[in-house]
Amino acid sequence: MRINRLFQIMKQFRRETKGAVFVEYLLLLTIVGIGAIAGLATVRGALIGELFDLAEAISAISP
């Protein structure tokens, strides 16, 4: 009887653990996604600045 109860407790723990692991992966994915968006926004700003500098340099060359 005690062995059956032990198996039930282990099954319940496994189900709860799977949910916790899913939440951890979801949190990690959210943090990585936010970091990627912030990084891409920074790269976009730097690229636009470089392209404006290039346009000014080309305008200075052309008469």
PDB file of N, CA and C in Angstrom:
ATOM      1  N   MET A   1       0.819  -1.191   0.000  1.00  0.00           N
ATOM      2  CA  MET A   1       0.000   0.000   0.000  1.00  0.00           C
ATOM      3  C   MET A   1       0.866   1.259   0.000  1.00  0.00           C
ATOM      4  N   ARG A   2       1.923   1.234   0.774  1.00  0.00           N
ATOM      5  CA  ARG A   2       2.794   2.411   0.845  1.00  0.00           C
ATOM      6  C   ARG A   2       3.540   2.617  -0.462  1.00  0.00           C
ATOM      7  N   ILE A   3       3.843   1.523  -1.163  1.00  0.00           N
ATOM      8  CA  ILE A   3       4.567   1.634  -2.432  1.00  0.00           C
ATOM      9  C   ILE A   3       3.691   2.323  -3.472  1.00  0.00           C
ATOM     10  N   ASN A   4       2.401   1.983  -3.506  1.00  0.00           N
ATOM     11  CA  ASN A   4       1.491   2.645  -4.439  1.00  0.00           C
ATOM     12  C   ASN A   4       1.410   4.138  -4.149  1.00  0.00           C
ATOM     13  N   ARG A   5       1.350   4.477  -2.881  1.00  0.00           N
ATOM     14  CA  ARG A   5       1.292   5.897  -2.492  1.00  0.00           C
ATOM     15  C   ARG A   5       2.579   6.614  -2.909  1.00  0.00           C
ATOM     16  N   LEU A   6       3.697   5.933  -2.764  1.00  0.00           N
ATOM     17  CA  LEU A   6       4.980   6.510  -3.153  1.00  0.00           C
ATOM     18  C   LEU A   6       5.024   6.756  -4.656  1.00  0.00           C
ATOM     19  N   PHE A   7       4.521   5.791  -5.437  1.00  0.00           N
ATOM     20  CA  PHE A   7       4.484   5.977  -6.890  1.00  0.00           C
ATOM     21  C   PHE A   7       3.557   7.126  -7.282  1.00  0.00           C
ATOM     22  N   GLN A   8       2.445   7.267  -6.588  1.00  0.00           N
ATOM     23  CA  GLN A   8       1.531   8.375  -6.869  1.00  0.00           C
ATOM     24  C   GLN A   8       2.204   9.710  -6.583  1.00  0.00           C
ATOM     25  N   ILE A   9       2.921   9.775  -5.499  1.00  0.00           N
ATOM     26  CA  ILE A   9       3.632  11.012  -5.155  1.00  0.00           C
ATOM     27  C   ILE A   9       4.703  11.318  -6.199  1.00  0.00           C
ATOM     28  N   MET A  10       5.407  10.281  -6.659  1.00  0.00           N
ATOM     29  CA  MET A  10       6.443  10.488  -7.670  1.00  0.00           C
ATOM     30  C   MET A  10       5.839  10.953  -8.994  1.00  0.00           C
ATOM     31  N   LYS A  11       4.696  10.380  -9.398  1.00  0.00           N
ATOM     32  CA  LYS A  11       4.029  10.807 -10.632  1.00  0.00           C
ATOM     33  C   LYS A  11       3.581  12.260 -10.530  1.00  0.00           C
ATOM     34  N   GLN A  12       3.024  12.626  -9.387  1.00  0.00           N
ATOM     35  CA  GLN A  12       2.580  14.001  -9.186  1.00  0.00           C
ATOM     36  C   GLN A  12       3.771  14.960  -9.222  1.00  0.00           C
ATOM     37  N   PHE A  13       4.864  14.572  -8.597  1.00  0.00           N
ATOM     38  CA  PHE A  13       6.062  15.412  -8.599  1.00  0.00           C
ATOM     39  C   PHE A  13       6.592  15.592 -10.016  1.00  0.00           C
ATOM     40  N   ARG A  14       6.563  14.523 -10.816  1.00  0.00           N
ATOM     41  CA  ARG A  14       7.042  14.595 -12.192  1.00  0.00           C
ATOM     42  C   ARG A  14       6.183  15.561 -13.012  1.00  0.00           C
ATOM     43  N   ARG A  15       4.860  15.493 -12.835  1.00  0.00           N
ATOM     44  CA  ARG A  15       3.974  16.417 -13.554  1.00  0.00           C
ATOM     45  C   ARG A  15       4.252  17.859 -13.147  1.00  0.00           C
ATOM     46  N   GLU A  16       4.424  18.099 -11.865  1.00  0.00           N
ATOM     47  CA  GLU A  16       4.702  19.448 -11.384  1.00  0.00           C
ATOM     48  C   GLU A  16       6.059  19.935 -11.877  1.00  0.00           C
ATOM     49  N   THR A  17       7.021  19.057 -11.937  1.00  0.00           N
ATOM     50  CA  THR A  17       8.359  19.431 -12.397  1.00  0.00           C
ATOM     51  C   THR A  17       8.343  19.788 -13.871  1.00  0.00           C
ATOM     52  N   LYS A  18       7.587  19.037 -14.674  1.00  0.00           N
ATOM     53  CA  LYS A  18       7.497  19.356 -16.098  1.00  0.00           C
ATOM     54  C   LYS A  18       6.934  20.754 -16.303  1.00  0.00           C
ATOM     55  N   GLY A  19       5.938  21.124 -15.525  1.00  0.00           N
ATOM     56  CA  GLY A  19       5.371  22.461 -15.626  1.00  0.00           C
ATOM     57  C   GLY A  19       6.383  23.526 -15.235  1.00  0.00           C
ATOM     58  N   ALA A  20       7.162  23.250 -14.201  1.00  0.00           N
ATOM     59  CA  ALA A  20       8.165  24.216 -13.756  1.00  0.00           C
ATOM     60  C   ALA A  20       9.256  24.388 -14.802  1.00  0.00           C
ATOM     61  N   VAL A  21       9.664  23.299 -15.432  1.00  0.00           N
ATOM     62  CA  VAL A  21      10.692  23.385 -16.468  1.00  0.00           C
ATOM     63  C   VAL A  21      10.168  24.186 -17.649  1.00  0.00           C
ATOM     64  N   PHE A  22       8.908  23.982 -18.011  1.00  0.00           N
ATOM     65  CA  PHE A  22       8.311  24.743 -19.107  1.00  0.00           C
ATOM     66  C   PHE A  22       8.314  26.233 -18.790  1.00  0.00           C
ATOM     67  N   VAL A  23       7.958  26.584 -17.582  1.00  0.00           N
ATOM     68  CA  VAL A  23       7.939  27.995 -17.188  1.00  0.00           C
ATOM     69  C   VAL A  23       9.349  28.571 -17.233  1.00  0.00           C
ATOM     70  N   GLU A  24      10.343  27.804 -16.817  1.00  0.00           N
ATOM     71  CA  GLU A  24      11.725  28.291 -16.857  1.00  0.00           C
ATOM     72  C   GLU A  24      12.179  28.522 -18.295  1.00  0.00           C
ATOM     73  N   TYR A  25      11.853  27.579 -19.185  1.00  0.00           N
ATOM     74  CA  TYR A  25      12.209  27.762 -20.591  1.00  0.00           C
ATOM     75  C   TYR A  25      11.485  28.961 -21.191  1.00  0.00           C
ATOM     76  N   LEU A  26      10.229  29.148 -20.829  1.00  0.00           N
ATOM     77  CA  LEU A  26       9.466  30.283 -21.334  1.00  0.00           C
ATOM     78  C   LEU A  26      10.079  31.598 -20.855  1.00  0.00           C
ATOM     79  N   LEU A  27      10.478  31.653 -19.608  1.00  0.00           N
ATOM     80  CA  LEU A  27      11.119  32.851 -19.065  1.00  0.00           C
ATOM     81  C   LEU A  27      12.446  33.119 -19.762  1.00  0.00           C
ATOM     82  N   LEU A  28      13.228  32.076 -19.978  1.00  0.00           N
ATOM     83  CA  LEU A  28      14.509  32.227 -20.666  1.00  0.00           C
ATOM     84  C   LEU A  28      14.304  32.718 -22.093  1.00  0.00           C
ATOM     85  N   LEU A  29      13.332  32.152 -22.787  1.00  0.00           N
ATOM     86  CA  LEU A  29      13.042  32.567 -24.155  1.00  0.00           C
ATOM     87  C   LEU A  29      12.578  34.020 -24.205  1.00  0.00           C
ATOM     88  N   THR A  30      11.797  34.436 -23.236  1.00  0.00           N
ATOM     89  CA  THR A  30      11.337  35.821 -23.179  1.00  0.00           C
ATOM     90  C   THR A  30      12.510  36.773 -22.978  1.00  0.00           C
ATOM     91  N   ILE A  31      13.409  36.439 -22.081  1.00  0.00           N
ATOM     92  CA  ILE A  31      14.572  37.294 -21.825  1.00  0.00           C
ATOM     93  C   ILE A  31      15.463  37.376 -23.057  1.00  0.00           C
ATOM     94  N   VAL A  32      15.686  36.246 -23.723  1.00  0.00           N
ATOM     95  CA  VAL A  32      16.509  36.242 -24.941  1.00  0.00           C
ATOM     96  C   VAL A  32      15.833  37.055 -26.034  1.00  0.00           C
ATOM     97  N   GLY A  33      14.525  36.941 -26.157  1.00  0.00           N
ATOM     98  CA  GLY A  33      13.790  37.709 -27.163  1.00  0.00           C
ATOM     99  C   GLY A  33      13.886  39.205 -26.924  1.00  0.00           C
ATOM    100  N   ILE A  34      13.732  39.620 -25.691  1.00  0.00           N
ATOM    101  CA  ILE A  34      13.848  41.045 -25.365  1.00  0.00           C
ATOM    102  C   ILE A  34      15.263  41.534 -25.644  1.00  0.00           C
ATOM    103  N   GLY A  35      16.256  40.737 -25.310  1.00  0.00           N
ATOM    104  CA  GLY A  35      17.649  41.112 -25.593  1.00  0.00           C
ATOM    105  C   GLY A  35      17.917  41.221 -27.082  1.00  0.00           C
ATOM    106  N   ALA A  36      17.349  40.300 -27.857  1.00  0.00           N
ATOM    107  CA  ALA A  36      17.538  40.344 -29.311  1.00  0.00           C
ATOM    108  C   ALA A  36      16.886  41.582 -29.903  1.00  0.00           C
ATOM    109  N   ILE A  37      15.710  41.931 -29.437  1.00  0.00           N
ATOM    110  CA  ILE A  37      15.033  43.128 -29.939  1.00  0.00           C
ATOM    111  C   ILE A  37      15.835  44.374 -29.596  1.00  0.00           C
ATOM    112  N   ALA A  38      16.330  44.460 -28.379  1.00  0.00           N
ATOM    113  CA  ALA A  38      17.132  45.622 -27.983  1.00  0.00           C
ATOM    114  C   ALA A  38      18.424  45.690 -28.791  1.00  0.00           C
ATOM    115  N   GLY A  39      19.066  44.554 -28.999  1.00  0.00           N
ATOM    116  CA  GLY A  39      20.297  44.528 -29.790  1.00  0.00           C
ATOM    117  C   GLY A  39      20.060  44.933 -31.231  1.00  0.00           C
ATOM    118  N   LEU A  40      18.985  44.438 -31.824  1.00  0.00           N
ATOM    119  CA  LEU A  40      18.678  44.808 -33.208  1.00  0.00           C
ATOM    120  C   LEU A  40      18.330  46.286 -33.332  1.00  0.00           C
ATOM    121  N   ALA A  41      17.661  46.844 -32.340  1.00  0.00           N
ATOM    122  CA  ALA A  41      17.359  48.275 -32.364  1.00  0.00           C
ATOM    123  C   ALA A  41      18.647  49.093 -32.308  1.00  0.00           C
ATOM    124  N   THR A  42      19.605  48.663 -31.523  1.00  0.00           N
ATOM    125  CA  THR A  42      20.890  49.353 -31.434  1.00  0.00           C
ATOM    126  C   THR A  42      21.652  49.261 -32.745  1.00  0.00           C
ATOM    127  N   VAL A  43      21.660  48.083 -33.342  1.00  0.00           N
ATOM    128  CA  VAL A  43      22.338  47.900 -34.631  1.00  0.00           C
ATOM    129  C   VAL A  43      21.673  48.757 -35.699  1.00  0.00           C
ATOM    130  N   ARG A  44      20.346  48.823 -35.677  1.00  0.00           N
ATOM    131  CA  ARG A  44      19.622  49.645 -36.651  1.00  0.00           C
ATOM    132  C   ARG A  44      20.030  51.111 -36.532  1.00  0.00           C
ATOM    133  N   GLY A  45      20.099  51.611 -35.301  1.00  0.00           N
ATOM    134  CA  GLY A  45      20.490  53.005 -35.100  1.00  0.00           C
ATOM    135  C   GLY A  45      21.905  53.277 -35.576  1.00  0.00           C
ATOM    136  N   ALA A  46      22.818  52.373 -35.292  1.00  0.00           N
ATOM    137  CA  ALA A  46      24.206  52.546 -35.731  1.00  0.00           C
ATOM    138  C   ALA A  46      24.312  52.469 -37.248  1.00  0.00           C
ATOM    139  N   LEU A  47      23.565  51.574 -37.861  1.00  0.00           N
ATOM    140  CA  LEU A  47      23.596  51.437 -39.316  1.00  0.00           C
ATOM    141  C   LEU A  47      23.036  52.676 -40.002  1.00  0.00           C
ATOM    142  N   ILE A  48      21.969  53.216 -39.478  1.00  0.00           N
ATOM    143  CA  ILE A  48      21.402  54.438 -40.055  1.00  0.00           C
ATOM    144  C   ILE A  48      22.403  55.581 -39.946  1.00  0.00           C
ATOM    145  N   GLY A  49      23.075  55.692 -38.807  1.00  0.00           N
ATOM    146  CA  GLY A  49      24.091  56.733 -38.647  1.00  0.00           C
ATOM    147  C   GLY A  49      25.222  56.585 -39.650  1.00  0.00           C
ATOM    148  N   GLU A  50      25.682  55.365 -39.858  1.00  0.00           N
ATOM    149  CA  GLU A  50      26.759  55.128 -40.830  1.00  0.00           C
ATOM    150  C   GLU A  50      26.298  55.437 -42.251  1.00  0.00           C
ATOM    151  N   LEU A  51      25.079  55.091 -42.567  1.00  0.00           N
ATOM    152  CA  LEU A  51      24.576  55.377 -43.915  1.00  0.00           C
ATOM    153  C   LEU A  51      24.428  56.880 -44.149  1.00  0.00           C
ATOM    154  N   PHE A  52      24.020  57.625 -43.121  1.00  0.00           N
ATOM    155  CA  PHE A  52      23.963  59.083 -43.258  1.00  0.00           C
ATOM    156  C   PHE A  52      25.360  59.667 -43.463  1.00  0.00           C
ATOM    157  N   ASP A  53      26.345  59.148 -42.733  1.00  0.00           N
ATOM    158  CA  ASP A  53      27.727  59.600 -42.923  1.00  0.00           C
ATOM    159  C   ASP A  53      28.209  59.295 -44.336  1.00  0.00           C
ATOM    160  N   LEU A  54      27.870  58.126 -44.842  1.00  0.00           N
ATOM    161  CA  LEU A  54      28.252  57.755 -46.201  1.00  0.00           C
ATOM    162  C   LEU A  54      27.583  58.667 -47.221  1.00  0.00           C
ATOM    163  N   ALA A  55      26.321  58.987 -47.001  1.00  0.00           N
ATOM    164  CA  ALA A  55      25.609  59.881 -47.917  1.00  0.00           C
ATOM    165  C   ALA A  55      26.231  61.275 -47.914  1.00  0.00           C
ATOM    166  N   GLU A  56      26.634  61.758 -46.755  1.00  0.00           N
ATOM    167  CA  GLU A  56      27.288  63.068 -46.680  1.00  0.00           C
ATOM    168  C   GLU A  56      28.628  63.044 -47.398  1.00  0.00           C
ATOM    169  N   ALA A  57      29.375  61.951 -47.254  1.00  0.00           N
ATOM    170  CA  ALA A  57      30.672  61.841 -47.926  1.00  0.00           C
ATOM    171  C   ALA A  57      30.491  61.805 -49.436  1.00  0.00           C
ATOM    172  N   ILE A  58      29.504  61.093 -49.912  1.00  0.00           N
ATOM    173  CA  ILE A  58      29.249  61.039 -51.357  1.00  0.00           C
ATOM    174  C   ILE A  58      28.784  62.398 -51.857  1.00  0.00           C
ATOM    175  N   SER A  59      27.969  63.096 -51.083  1.00  0.00           N
ATOM    176  CA  SER A  59      27.510  64.431 -51.480  1.00  0.00           C
ATOM    177  C   SER A  59      28.671  65.418 -51.535  1.00  0.00           C
ATOM    178  N   ALA A  60      29.642  65.266 -50.663  1.00  0.00           N
ATOM    179  CA  ALA A  60      30.789  66.170 -50.654  1.00  0.00           C
ATOM    180  C   ALA A  60      31.681  65.928 -51.866  1.00  0.00           C
ATOM    181  N   ILE A  61      31.727  64.702 -52.378  1.00  0.00           N
ATOM    182  CA  ILE A  61      32.553  64.394 -53.549  1.00  0.00           C
ATOM    183  C   ILE A  61      31.915  64.935 -54.815  1.00  0.00           C
ATOM    184  N   SER A  62      30.620  64.765 -54.960  1.00  0.00           N
ATOM    185  CA  SER A  62      29.928  65.191 -56.181  1.00  0.00           C
ATOM    186  C   SER A  62      29.810  66.709 -56.220  1.00  0.00           C
ATOM    187  N   PRO A  63      30.062  67.292 -57.408  1.00  0.00           N
ATOM    188  CA  PRO A  63      29.948  68.761 -57.507  1.00  0.00           C
ATOM    189  C   PRO A  63      28.514  69.228 -57.597  1.00  0.00           C
TER     190      PRO A  63
END
